[in-house]
């Protein structure tokens, strides 16, 4: 799936990085790439649903396969 949105740090359950899609959908990125870990950064990512077990009770868990940062 292709997701365009904004990176946000969620200070819940020990803290984790997420993407809030432009459509408002919340994604919990499993293993967020270091290059994307900037609160407020606009991104476009190709991802798939995370099929493993997640302890997070927030958003849709995803795995990011590729990404681009976007100009604000």
C-alpha atoms as a PDB file:
ATOM      1  CA  UNK A   1       0.000   0.000   0.000  1.00  0.00           C
ATOM      2  CA  UNK A   2       1.084   3.590  -0.574  1.00  0.00           C
ATOM      3  CA  UNK A   3       0.692   6.000   2.343  1.00  0.00           C
ATOM      4  CA  UNK A   4       1.268   9.754   2.281  1.00  0.00           C
ATOM      5  CA  UNK A   5       1.227  11.502   5.628  1.00  0.00           C
ATOM      6  CA  UNK A   6       3.079  13.040   8.551  1.00  0.00           C
ATOM      7  CA  UNK A   7       5.491  11.349  10.953  1.00  0.00           C
ATOM      8  CA  UNK A   8       4.557  11.716  14.620  1.00  0.00           C
ATOM      9  CA  UNK A   9       6.151  10.443  17.815  1.00  0.00           C
ATOM     10  CA  UNK A  10       3.488   8.935  20.064  1.00  0.00           C
ATOM     11  CA  UNK A  11       4.369   9.167  23.752  1.00  0.00           C
ATOM     12  CA  UNK A  12       2.201   6.161  24.668  1.00  0.00           C
ATOM     13  CA  UNK A  13       3.114   2.656  25.851  1.00  0.00           C
ATOM     14  CA  UNK A  14       6.800   3.554  26.128  1.00  0.00           C
ATOM     15  CA  UNK A  15       6.776   5.695  22.964  1.00  0.00           C
ATOM     16  CA  UNK A  16       6.837   4.805  19.273  1.00  0.00           C
ATOM     17  CA  UNK A  17       6.943   6.396  15.824  1.00  0.00           C
ATOM     18  CA  UNK A  18       3.847   6.596  13.674  1.00  0.00           C
ATOM     19  CA  UNK A  19       2.485   8.035  10.448  1.00  0.00           C
ATOM     20  CA  UNK A  20      -0.776   9.937  10.355  1.00  0.00           C
ATOM     21  CA  UNK A  21      -2.080   9.513   6.819  1.00  0.00           C
ATOM     22  CA  UNK A  22      -3.357  12.530   4.919  1.00  0.00           C
ATOM     23  CA  UNK A  23      -6.782  10.853   5.169  1.00  0.00           C
ATOM     24  CA  UNK A  24      -6.480  10.699   8.997  1.00  0.00           C
ATOM     25  CA  UNK A  25      -5.663   6.974   9.205  1.00  0.00           C
ATOM     26  CA  UNK A  26      -3.208   6.153  12.007  1.00  0.00           C
ATOM     27  CA  UNK A  27      -0.321   3.769  11.270  1.00  0.00           C
ATOM     28  CA  UNK A  28       2.115   2.348  13.830  1.00  0.00           C
ATOM     29  CA  UNK A  29       5.348   1.810  11.911  1.00  0.00           C
ATOM     30  CA  UNK A  30       7.225  -1.255  13.123  1.00  0.00           C
ATOM     31  CA  UNK A  31      10.978  -0.589  12.838  1.00  0.00           C
ATOM     32  CA  UNK A  32      10.645   2.976  11.526  1.00  0.00           C
ATOM     33  CA  UNK A  33      13.758   3.855   9.440  1.00  0.00           C
ATOM     34  CA  UNK A  34      16.056   6.282  11.265  1.00  0.00           C
ATOM     35  CA  UNK A  35      15.865   8.765   8.366  1.00  0.00           C
ATOM     36  CA  UNK A  36      12.135   9.252   9.046  1.00  0.00           C
ATOM     37  CA  UNK A  37      12.300   9.782  12.817  1.00  0.00           C
ATOM     38  CA  UNK A  38      11.567  13.521  12.748  1.00  0.00           C
ATOM     39  CA  UNK A  39       8.279  14.684  14.236  1.00  0.00           C
ATOM     40  CA  UNK A  40       6.270  16.554  11.602  1.00  0.00           C
ATOM     41  CA  UNK A  41       8.157  15.253   8.547  1.00  0.00           C
ATOM     42  CA  UNK A  42       5.931  14.738   5.477  1.00  0.00           C
ATOM     43  CA  UNK A  43       6.532  11.332   3.869  1.00  0.00           C
ATOM     44  CA  UNK A  44       5.339   8.956   1.199  1.00  0.00           C
ATOM     45  CA  UNK A  45       5.903   5.270   1.978  1.00  0.00           C
ATOM     46  CA  UNK A  46       5.240   1.901   0.415  1.00  0.00           C
ATOM     47  CA  UNK A  47       4.270  -0.453   3.222  1.00  0.00           C
ATOM     48  CA  UNK A  48       2.460  -3.654   4.050  1.00  0.00           C
ATOM     49  CA  UNK A  49       0.368  -4.718   7.017  1.00  0.00           C
ATOM     50  CA  UNK A  50       2.470  -6.131   9.859  1.00  0.00           C
ATOM     51  CA  UNK A  51       1.495  -9.789  10.176  1.00  0.00           C
ATOM     52  CA  UNK A  52       3.273 -10.508  13.471  1.00  0.00           C
ATOM     53  CA  UNK A  53       2.185  -9.935  17.048  1.00  0.00           C
ATOM     54  CA  UNK A  54       2.183  -6.314  18.157  1.00  0.00           C
ATOM     55  CA  UNK A  55       1.854  -5.111  21.753  1.00  0.00           C
ATOM     56  CA  UNK A  56       0.729  -1.668  20.549  1.00  0.00           C
ATOM     57  CA  UNK A  57      -2.932  -0.863  20.939  1.00  0.00           C
ATOM     58  CA  UNK A  58      -2.828   2.107  18.585  1.00  0.00           C
ATOM     59  CA  UNK A  59      -3.278   2.437  14.846  1.00  0.00           C
ATOM     60  CA  UNK A  60      -2.680  -0.109  12.102  1.00  0.00           C
ATOM     61  CA  UNK A  61       0.737  -1.819  12.424  1.00  0.00           C
ATOM     62  CA  UNK A  62       2.777  -1.593   9.194  1.00  0.00           C
ATOM     63  CA  UNK A  63       6.206  -2.480   7.828  1.00  0.00           C
ATOM     64  CA  UNK A  64       7.789   0.199   5.611  1.00  0.00           C
ATOM     65  CA  UNK A  65       9.493  -1.184   2.481  1.00  0.00           C
ATOM     66  CA  UNK A  66      10.525   2.091   0.810  1.00  0.00           C
ATOM     67  CA  UNK A  67      10.005   5.796   1.434  1.00  0.00           C
ATOM     68  CA  UNK A  68      10.502   9.355   0.234  1.00  0.00           C
ATOM     69  CA  UNK A  69      10.496  12.535   2.258  1.00  0.00           C
ATOM     70  CA  UNK A  70       8.337  15.317   0.832  1.00  0.00           C
ATOM     71  CA  UNK A  71       8.757  19.060   0.810  1.00  0.00           C
ATOM     72  CA  UNK A  72       6.472  20.859   3.270  1.00  0.00           C
END
